[in-house]
Structures are given as structure tokens and as C-alpha cells.
Amino acid sequence: QVQLVESGGGLVQPGGSLRLSCAASGFTFNNYIMSWYRQAPGKEREWVAIIFTTGSTNYADSVKGRFTISRDNAKGTVYLQMNSLKPEDTAVYYCKRNTGGFWGQGTQVTVSS
């Protein structure tokens, strides 16, 4: 069965960096478009970044220039490198396999001094 397991979240100071990972299993990873979403307390889940099977990427305006999505097809893993973090980036971050709408369990990112 499809499984997506996020890791790498934590507490970081403003201006700091984190790298999130999402390990996928149960399907042929390189055939699927993958995305990252986030949900802050009291807010709706929002799209953050997408990576296509070709490696092309796109980002929400709020993270463009600070976040980088990438994938390692050999490892079946999608990453989100987050730099210059701001308090408003605080959220639970989820990875998603776009086809079929499969979600991971999420990983908490807290940006605070």
C-alpha cells in the first residue's frame, strides 16, 4: 500500500534552515508528481511546492526564493529545503502524492526565538 512518511521537522530560530524528507513506498515513485503542503494552527491547509516527474518545480509566492523542493528517485524520497525561515512558516508540513490524493502524517515545523 502507498505510504508517505515525513521527517525532519523541529524548532528553529527565525532565519534558520531545516530540510524535510518524505520517504515514499508502495508505488513506483519516479512515475508520480509530488507536493508539499502545510497547515498552520487555525488555518486551512495550503499548497507550498510541487515537483513533476521531469524534475520541474513550482512554488507558492510565500516561499519562493527561500524553499527548494527536490526528489531522489533512487531513494523514493522528496525533500523540502527551507531557508530564511520566518515565524509565519510555523505549521505542520505534509507531503502528498498528487495522483490519488495520498498524504503523509505530517511533521511539525516551529519557527520561534
C-alpha atoms as a PDB file:
ATOM      1  CA  GLN A   1       0.000   0.000   0.000  1.00  0.00           C
ATOM      2  CA  VAL A   2       1.025   3.612  -0.511  1.00  0.00           C
ATOM      3  CA  GLN A   3       2.950   5.063   2.432  1.00  0.00           C
ATOM      4  CA  LEU A   4       4.416   8.530   2.845  1.00  0.00           C
ATOM      5  CA  VAL A   5       6.489   9.255   5.948  1.00  0.00           C
ATOM      6  CA  GLU A   6       7.695  12.781   6.664  1.00  0.00           C
ATOM      7  CA  SER A   7      10.615  13.635   8.920  1.00  0.00           C
ATOM      8  CA  GLY A   8      12.985  16.484   9.683  1.00  0.00           C
ATOM      9  CA  GLY A   9      10.703  18.940  11.432  1.00  0.00           C
ATOM     10  CA  GLY A  10      11.601  20.710  14.648  1.00  0.00           C
ATOM     11  CA  LEU A  11      12.140  24.014  16.393  1.00  0.00           C
ATOM     12  CA  VAL A  12      14.329  26.586  14.637  1.00  0.00           C
ATOM     13  CA  GLN A  13      15.071  30.263  15.164  1.00  0.00           C
ATOM     14  CA  PRO A  14      13.980  32.881  12.638  1.00  0.00           C
ATOM     15  CA  GLY A  15      16.452  32.995   9.771  1.00  0.00           C
ATOM     16  CA  GLY A  16      17.390  29.366  10.272  1.00  0.00           C
ATOM     17  CA  SER A  17      17.078  26.354   7.981  1.00  0.00           C
ATOM     18  CA  LEU A  18      15.524  22.908   8.022  1.00  0.00           C
ATOM     19  CA  ARG A  19      15.339  20.088   5.492  1.00  0.00           C
ATOM     20  CA  LEU A  20      12.215  17.968   5.452  1.00  0.00           C
ATOM     21  CA  SER A  21      12.147  14.489   3.949  1.00  0.00           C
ATOM     22  CA  CYS A  22       9.250  12.366   2.754  1.00  0.00           C
ATOM     23  CA  ALA A  23      10.020   8.700   2.231  1.00  0.00           C
ATOM     24  CA  ALA A  24       7.608   7.006  -0.161  1.00  0.00           C
ATOM     25  CA  SER A  25       6.847   3.320  -0.558  1.00  0.00           C
ATOM     26  CA  GLY A  26       4.255   1.061  -2.126  1.00  0.00           C
ATOM     27  CA  PHE A  27       4.398   2.585  -5.608  1.00  0.00           C
ATOM     28  CA  THR A  28       6.818   3.446  -8.416  1.00  0.00           C
ATOM     29  CA  PHE A  29       7.962   6.788  -7.062  1.00  0.00           C
ATOM     30  CA  ASN A  30       9.526   8.242 -10.210  1.00  0.00           C
ATOM     31  CA  ASN A  31       6.198   7.999 -12.068  1.00  0.00           C
ATOM     32  CA  TYR A  32       4.371  10.425  -9.778  1.00  0.00           C
ATOM     33  CA  ILE A  33       4.140  14.147  -9.182  1.00  0.00           C
ATOM     34  CA  MET A  34       4.764  15.049  -5.540  1.00  0.00           C
ATOM     35  CA  SER A  35       3.877  18.117  -3.489  1.00  0.00           C
ATOM     36  CA  TRP A  36       4.403  19.691  -0.106  1.00  0.00           C
ATOM     37  CA  TYR A  37       1.585  21.383   1.789  1.00  0.00           C
ATOM     38  CA  ARG A  38       1.381  22.996   5.203  1.00  0.00           C
ATOM     39  CA  GLN A  39      -1.290  23.789   7.764  1.00  0.00           C
ATOM     40  CA  ALA A  40      -0.854  26.449  10.408  1.00  0.00           C
ATOM     41  CA  PRO A  41      -2.995  26.471  13.576  1.00  0.00           C
ATOM     42  CA  GLY A  42      -6.493  27.728  12.833  1.00  0.00           C
ATOM     43  CA  LYS A  43      -5.848  27.940   9.099  1.00  0.00           C
ATOM     44  CA  GLU A  44      -6.652  25.833   6.075  1.00  0.00           C
ATOM     45  CA  ARG A  45      -4.054  23.551   4.561  1.00  0.00           C
ATOM     46  CA  GLU A  46      -2.157  25.381   1.827  1.00  0.00           C
ATOM     47  CA  TRP A  47      -0.007  24.258  -1.060  1.00  0.00           C
ATOM     48  CA  VAL A  48       3.724  25.029  -0.752  1.00  0.00           C
ATOM     49  CA  ALA A  49       5.610  23.396  -3.632  1.00  0.00           C
ATOM     50  CA  ILE A  50       5.328  20.810  -6.396  1.00  0.00           C
ATOM     51  CA  ILE A  51       7.842  18.702  -8.295  1.00  0.00           C
ATOM     52  CA  PHE A  52       6.970  16.970 -11.537  1.00  0.00           C
ATOM     53  CA  THR A  53       8.320  13.696 -12.842  1.00  0.00           C
ATOM     54  CA  THR A  54      10.624  15.711 -15.108  1.00  0.00           C
ATOM     55  CA  GLY A  55      12.125  17.488 -12.106  1.00  0.00           C
ATOM     56  CA  SER A  56      10.421  20.781 -12.894  1.00  0.00           C
ATOM     57  CA  THR A  57       9.250  22.674  -9.839  1.00  0.00           C
ATOM     58  CA  ASN A  58       6.878  25.419  -8.806  1.00  0.00           C
ATOM     59  CA  TYR A  59       6.337  27.291  -5.534  1.00  0.00           C
ATOM     60  CA  ALA A  60       3.802  29.319  -3.647  1.00  0.00           C
ATOM     61  CA  ASP A  61       4.677  33.015  -3.692  1.00  0.00           C
ATOM     62  CA  SER A  62       5.090  32.999   0.093  1.00  0.00           C
ATOM     63  CA  VAL A  63       8.066  30.603  -0.078  1.00  0.00           C
ATOM     64  CA  LYS A  64       9.554  31.360  -3.494  1.00  0.00           C
ATOM     65  CA  GLY A  65      13.281  32.043  -3.243  1.00  0.00           C
ATOM     66  CA  ARG A  66      13.508  30.522   0.252  1.00  0.00           C
ATOM     67  CA  PHE A  67      12.312  26.928  -0.170  1.00  0.00           C
ATOM     68  CA  THR A  68      13.564  24.284  -2.607  1.00  0.00           C
ATOM     69  CA  ILE A  69      11.773  21.052  -3.435  1.00  0.00           C
ATOM     70  CA  SER A  70      13.770  18.155  -4.844  1.00  0.00           C
ATOM     71  CA  ARG A  71      13.455  14.419  -5.341  1.00  0.00           C
ATOM     72  CA  ASP A  72      15.748  11.403  -5.280  1.00  0.00           C
ATOM     73  CA  ASN A  73      14.029   8.761  -7.373  1.00  0.00           C
ATOM     74  CA  ALA A  74      16.571   6.105  -6.403  1.00  0.00           C
ATOM     75  CA  LYS A  75      15.685   6.605  -2.736  1.00  0.00           C
ATOM     76  CA  GLY A  76      11.986   7.224  -3.312  1.00  0.00           C
ATOM     77  CA  THR A  77      12.223  10.432  -1.343  1.00  0.00           C
ATOM     78  CA  VAL A  78      11.094  14.008  -1.838  1.00  0.00           C
ATOM     79  CA  TYR A  79      12.747  16.833   0.093  1.00  0.00           C
ATOM     80  CA  LEU A  80      11.899  20.374   1.100  1.00  0.00           C
ATOM     81  CA  GLN A  81      14.895  22.559   1.900  1.00  0.00           C
ATOM     82  CA  MET A  82      13.670  25.561   3.874  1.00  0.00           C
ATOM     83  CA  ASN A  83      15.963  28.557   4.337  1.00  0.00           C
ATOM     84  CA  SER A  84      15.468  32.018   5.851  1.00  0.00           C
ATOM     85  CA  LEU A  85      12.627  30.669   7.929  1.00  0.00           C
ATOM     86  CA  LYS A  86      10.070  33.078   9.370  1.00  0.00           C
ATOM     87  CA  PRO A  87       7.643  32.689  12.290  1.00  0.00           C
ATOM     88  CA  GLU A  88       4.796  32.588   9.764  1.00  0.00           C
ATOM     89  CA  ASP A  89       6.295  29.396   8.327  1.00  0.00           C
ATOM     90  CA  THR A  90       5.260  27.615  11.539  1.00  0.00           C
ATOM     91  CA  ALA A  91       2.934  24.775  10.545  1.00  0.00           C
ATOM     92  CA  VAL A  92       2.555  21.051  10.155  1.00  0.00           C
ATOM     93  CA  TYR A  93       4.106  20.134   6.818  1.00  0.00           C
ATOM     94  CA  TYR A  94       2.671  17.312   4.730  1.00  0.00           C
ATOM     95  CA  CYS A  95       3.826  15.591   1.581  1.00  0.00           C
ATOM     96  CA  LYS A  96       1.296  14.413  -0.961  1.00  0.00           C
ATOM     97  CA  ARG A  97       1.249  12.115  -3.929  1.00  0.00           C
ATOM     98  CA  ASN A  98      -0.885  14.141  -6.294  1.00  0.00           C
ATOM     99  CA  THR A  99      -2.485  11.195  -8.078  1.00  0.00           C
ATOM    100  CA  GLY A 100      -4.942   9.548  -5.737  1.00  0.00           C
ATOM    101  CA  GLY A 101      -4.510  12.201  -3.064  1.00  0.00           C
ATOM    102  CA  PHE A 102      -2.312  10.217  -0.679  1.00  0.00           C
ATOM    103  CA  TRP A 103      -0.967  12.152   2.318  1.00  0.00           C
ATOM    104  CA  GLY A 104       1.709  11.581   4.915  1.00  0.00           C
ATOM    105  CA  GLN A 105       1.123  12.060   8.639  1.00  0.00           C
ATOM    106  CA  GLY A 106       2.889  15.423   8.748  1.00  0.00           C
ATOM    107  CA  THR A 107       5.880  16.867  10.576  1.00  0.00           C
ATOM    108  CA  GLN A 108       5.774  19.924  12.820  1.00  0.00           C
ATOM    109  CA  VAL A 109       7.927  22.951  11.992  1.00  0.00           C
ATOM    110  CA  THR A 110       8.096  25.714  14.588  1.00  0.00           C
ATOM    111  CA  VAL A 111       9.976  28.936  13.900  1.00  0.00           C
ATOM    112  CA  SER A 112      10.477  30.893  17.094  1.00  0.00           C
ATOM    113  CA  SER A 113      13.132  32.674  19.102  1.00  0.00           C
END
